[in-house]
Amino acid sequence: MDLNGRGVIVTGAGSGIGAALARRFAGLGAHVAIIDRDADATKAVADEIAGLALPGDVSDPDIMPMFTSITED
């Protein structure tokens, strides 16, 4: 799968399966935005893969449009 230069948003990416997916997508060349409620974990994974840390709770209806807007820029 060629994700080189593509943008990917991974929710729950501060740990577990979400973090593993973020690492995998980054390894495939994607620009990855990491979203998780745990701000420290979000930053740690984003720093590890040179991704974008977006701490927050996706169940908040105001958050996802904001995250989508940020990642489109």
Protein backbone atom coordinates (compact mmCIF):
# COMPACT_ATOMS: atom_id res chain seq x y z
CA MET A 1 0.00 0.00 0.00
CA ASP A 2 1.48 3.34 -1.03
CA LEU A 3 0.55 6.11 1.39
CA ASN A 4 3.51 8.29 0.51
CA GLY A 5 2.50 11.92 1.01
CA ARG A 6 -1.10 11.10 1.98
CA GLY A 7 -2.73 12.43 5.14
CA VAL A 8 -4.11 10.03 7.75
CA ILE A 9 -6.00 10.81 10.98
CA VAL A 10 -5.79 8.08 13.64
CA THR A 11 -8.06 8.36 16.68
CA GLY A 12 -7.16 6.59 19.91
CA ALA A 13 -3.55 6.70 18.74
CA GLY A 14 -1.93 7.41 22.09
CA SER A 15 -1.55 3.69 22.79
CA GLY A 16 -2.45 0.18 21.71
CA ILE A 17 -3.88 -0.53 18.27
CA GLY A 18 -4.24 3.17 17.43
CA ALA A 19 -0.55 3.83 18.13
CA ALA A 20 0.43 0.75 16.13
CA LEU A 21 -1.65 1.94 13.18
CA ALA A 22 -0.14 5.42 13.38
CA ARG A 23 3.36 3.90 13.31
CA ARG A 24 2.46 1.66 10.39
CA PHE A 25 0.92 4.47 8.34
CA ALA A 26 3.95 6.68 9.01
CA GLY A 27 6.20 3.82 7.95
CA LEU A 28 4.28 3.68 4.69
CA GLY A 29 5.00 7.37 4.07
CA ALA A 30 1.80 8.99 5.32
CA HIS A 31 1.60 12.28 7.19
CA VAL A 32 -0.17 11.17 10.37
CA ALA A 33 -2.30 13.21 12.76
CA ILE A 34 -2.50 11.54 16.19
CA ILE A 35 -5.70 12.09 18.18
CA ASP A 36 -6.16 10.85 21.76
CA ARG A 37 -7.60 12.11 25.04
CA ASP A 38 -4.23 11.58 26.74
CA ALA A 39 -2.22 14.65 25.72
CA ASP A 40 1.13 13.24 26.87
CA ALA A 41 0.64 9.96 24.99
CA THR A 42 -0.56 11.86 21.91
CA LYS A 43 2.59 13.97 21.91
CA ALA A 44 4.88 10.99 22.55
CA VAL A 45 3.57 8.98 19.58
CA ALA A 46 3.50 12.03 17.32
CA ASP A 47 7.10 12.88 18.25
CA GLU A 48 8.17 9.30 17.59
CA ILE A 49 6.79 9.28 14.04
CA ALA A 50 7.17 12.99 13.20
CA GLY A 51 3.38 13.29 13.20
CA LEU A 52 0.94 15.96 14.32
CA ALA A 53 -0.32 15.70 17.92
CA LEU A 54 -3.97 16.67 18.35
CA PRO A 55 -5.03 15.91 21.93
CA GLY A 56 -8.78 15.82 22.42
CA ASP A 57 -11.92 13.74 22.76
CA VAL A 58 -13.55 12.83 19.44
CA SER A 59 -16.90 12.32 21.17
CA ASP A 60 -17.05 16.12 21.51
CA PRO A 61 -19.09 17.22 18.46
CA ASP A 62 -17.05 20.42 18.09
CA ILE A 63 -13.68 18.65 17.96
CA MET A 64 -13.74 16.60 14.74
CA PRO A 65 -14.55 19.52 12.40
CA MET A 66 -11.70 21.44 14.01
CA PHE A 67 -9.28 18.49 13.64
CA THR A 68 -10.33 17.97 10.04
CA SER A 69 -9.79 21.65 9.29
CA ILE A 70 -6.32 21.59 10.89
CA THR A 71 -5.22 18.48 8.99
CA GLU A 72 -6.45 19.81 5.64
CA ASP A 73 -4.07 22.76 5.92
